[in-house]
Amino acid sequence: MASPRLRLGFVSTAHLHLRGPVQSARDCPEIEAVGLAEPDDGLRMFLAREFDGLPVYTSAAELYD
């Protein structure tokens, strides 16, 4: 029986040195990267392009839902 995958979301992306951790999470078969939360519109658009296919939410609460 396979173990359930850890669901991982990233909150407060303002420092932008999360490229490595996000890519590592996306590459790991035991982890399901479920999204990023960023309230800044411009940064959110950048992240959506940078991490294609990974949802980017406006708040942590939205990500948690």
C-alpha atoms as a PDB file:
ATOM      1  CA  MET A   1       0.000   0.000   0.000  1.00  0.00           C
ATOM      2  CA  ALA A   2       1.402   3.379  -1.007  1.00  0.00           C
ATOM      3  CA  SER A   3       1.775   6.094   1.599  1.00  0.00           C
ATOM      4  CA  PRO A   4      -0.278   9.257   1.065  1.00  0.00           C
ATOM      5  CA  ARG A   5       1.625  12.126  -0.481  1.00  0.00           C
ATOM      6  CA  LEU A   6       2.440  15.170   1.633  1.00  0.00           C
ATOM      7  CA  ARG A   7       0.514  18.188   0.304  1.00  0.00           C
ATOM      8  CA  LEU A   8       2.742  21.257   0.444  1.00  0.00           C
ATOM      9  CA  GLY A   9       1.838  24.903  -0.139  1.00  0.00           C
ATOM     10  CA  PHE A  10       4.121  27.941  -0.058  1.00  0.00           C
ATOM     11  CA  VAL A  11       3.044  31.131   1.739  1.00  0.00           C
ATOM     12  CA  SER A  12       4.671  34.576   1.617  1.00  0.00           C
ATOM     13  CA  THR A  13       6.881  34.380  -1.418  1.00  0.00           C
ATOM     14  CA  ALA A  14       8.283  37.930  -1.202  1.00  0.00           C
ATOM     15  CA  HIS A  15      11.928  36.858  -0.924  1.00  0.00           C
ATOM     16  CA  LEU A  16      11.855  34.855  -4.171  1.00  0.00           C
ATOM     17  CA  HIS A  17      14.559  32.408  -3.131  1.00  0.00           C
ATOM     18  CA  LEU A  18      11.959  29.678  -3.210  1.00  0.00           C
ATOM     19  CA  ARG A  19      12.751  28.442  -6.722  1.00  0.00           C
ATOM     20  CA  GLY A  20      14.852  25.574  -5.330  1.00  0.00           C
ATOM     21  CA  PRO A  21      12.376  24.428  -2.665  1.00  0.00           C
ATOM     22  CA  VAL A  22       9.403  24.642  -5.058  1.00  0.00           C
ATOM     23  CA  GLN A  23      11.222  22.708  -7.785  1.00  0.00           C
ATOM     24  CA  SER A  24      12.411  20.118  -5.259  1.00  0.00           C
ATOM     25  CA  ALA A  25       8.845  19.660  -4.018  1.00  0.00           C
ATOM     26  CA  ARG A  26       7.561  19.301  -7.584  1.00  0.00           C
ATOM     27  CA  ASP A  27      10.243  16.697  -8.360  1.00  0.00           C
ATOM     28  CA  CYS A  28       9.697  14.611  -5.217  1.00  0.00           C
ATOM     29  CA  PRO A  29       7.269  11.691  -5.684  1.00  0.00           C
ATOM     30  CA  GLU A  30       6.270  11.818  -1.988  1.00  0.00           C
ATOM     31  CA  ILE A  31       5.141  15.470  -2.200  1.00  0.00           C
ATOM     32  CA  GLU A  32       2.247  17.130  -3.992  1.00  0.00           C
ATOM     33  CA  ALA A  33       2.980  20.854  -4.411  1.00  0.00           C
ATOM     34  CA  VAL A  34      -0.502  22.392  -4.223  1.00  0.00           C
ATOM     35  CA  GLY A  35       0.196  26.093  -4.731  1.00  0.00           C
ATOM     36  CA  LEU A  36       1.649  29.404  -3.690  1.00  0.00           C
ATOM     37  CA  ALA A  37       0.021  32.277  -1.793  1.00  0.00           C
ATOM     38  CA  GLU A  38       1.031  35.838  -2.634  1.00  0.00           C
ATOM     39  CA  PRO A  39      -1.105  38.975  -2.073  1.00  0.00           C
ATOM     40  CA  ASP A  40       0.908  41.251  -4.410  1.00  0.00           C
ATOM     41  CA  ASP A  41      -0.672  41.278  -7.898  1.00  0.00           C
ATOM     42  CA  GLY A  42       2.556  41.799  -9.834  1.00  0.00           C
ATOM     43  CA  LEU A  43       4.474  39.169  -7.907  1.00  0.00           C
ATOM     44  CA  ARG A  44       1.560  36.758  -8.212  1.00  0.00           C
ATOM     45  CA  MET A  45       1.603  37.155 -12.018  1.00  0.00           C
ATOM     46  CA  PHE A  46       5.371  36.607 -12.069  1.00  0.00           C
ATOM     47  CA  LEU A  47       5.036  33.450  -9.964  1.00  0.00           C
ATOM     48  CA  ALA A  48       2.277  32.092 -12.209  1.00  0.00           C
ATOM     49  CA  ARG A  49       4.662  32.387 -15.173  1.00  0.00           C
ATOM     50  CA  GLU A  50       7.693  31.136 -13.249  1.00  0.00           C
ATOM     51  CA  PHE A  51       5.935  28.048 -11.854  1.00  0.00           C
ATOM     52  CA  ASP A  52       3.716  27.095 -14.770  1.00  0.00           C
ATOM     53  CA  GLY A  53       0.910  24.781 -13.747  1.00  0.00           C
ATOM     54  CA  LEU A  54       1.186  25.513 -10.017  1.00  0.00           C
ATOM     55  CA  PRO A  55      -1.797  27.522  -8.748  1.00  0.00           C
ATOM     56  CA  VAL A  56      -1.019  30.933  -7.249  1.00  0.00           C
ATOM     57  CA  TYR A  57      -3.557  32.251  -4.733  1.00  0.00           C
ATOM     58  CA  THR A  58      -4.129  35.731  -3.311  1.00  0.00           C
ATOM     59  CA  SER A  59      -4.005  34.618   0.339  1.00  0.00           C
ATOM     60  CA  ALA A  60      -2.984  31.773   2.594  1.00  0.00           C
ATOM     61  CA  ALA A  61      -6.648  31.200   3.464  1.00  0.00           C
ATOM     62  CA  GLU A  62      -7.469  30.713  -0.208  1.00  0.00           C
ATOM     63  CA  LEU A  63      -4.559  28.278  -0.575  1.00  0.00           C
ATOM     64  CA  TYR A  64      -5.687  26.327   2.502  1.00  0.00           C
ATOM     65  CA  ASP A  65      -9.227  25.990   1.135  1.00  0.00           C
END
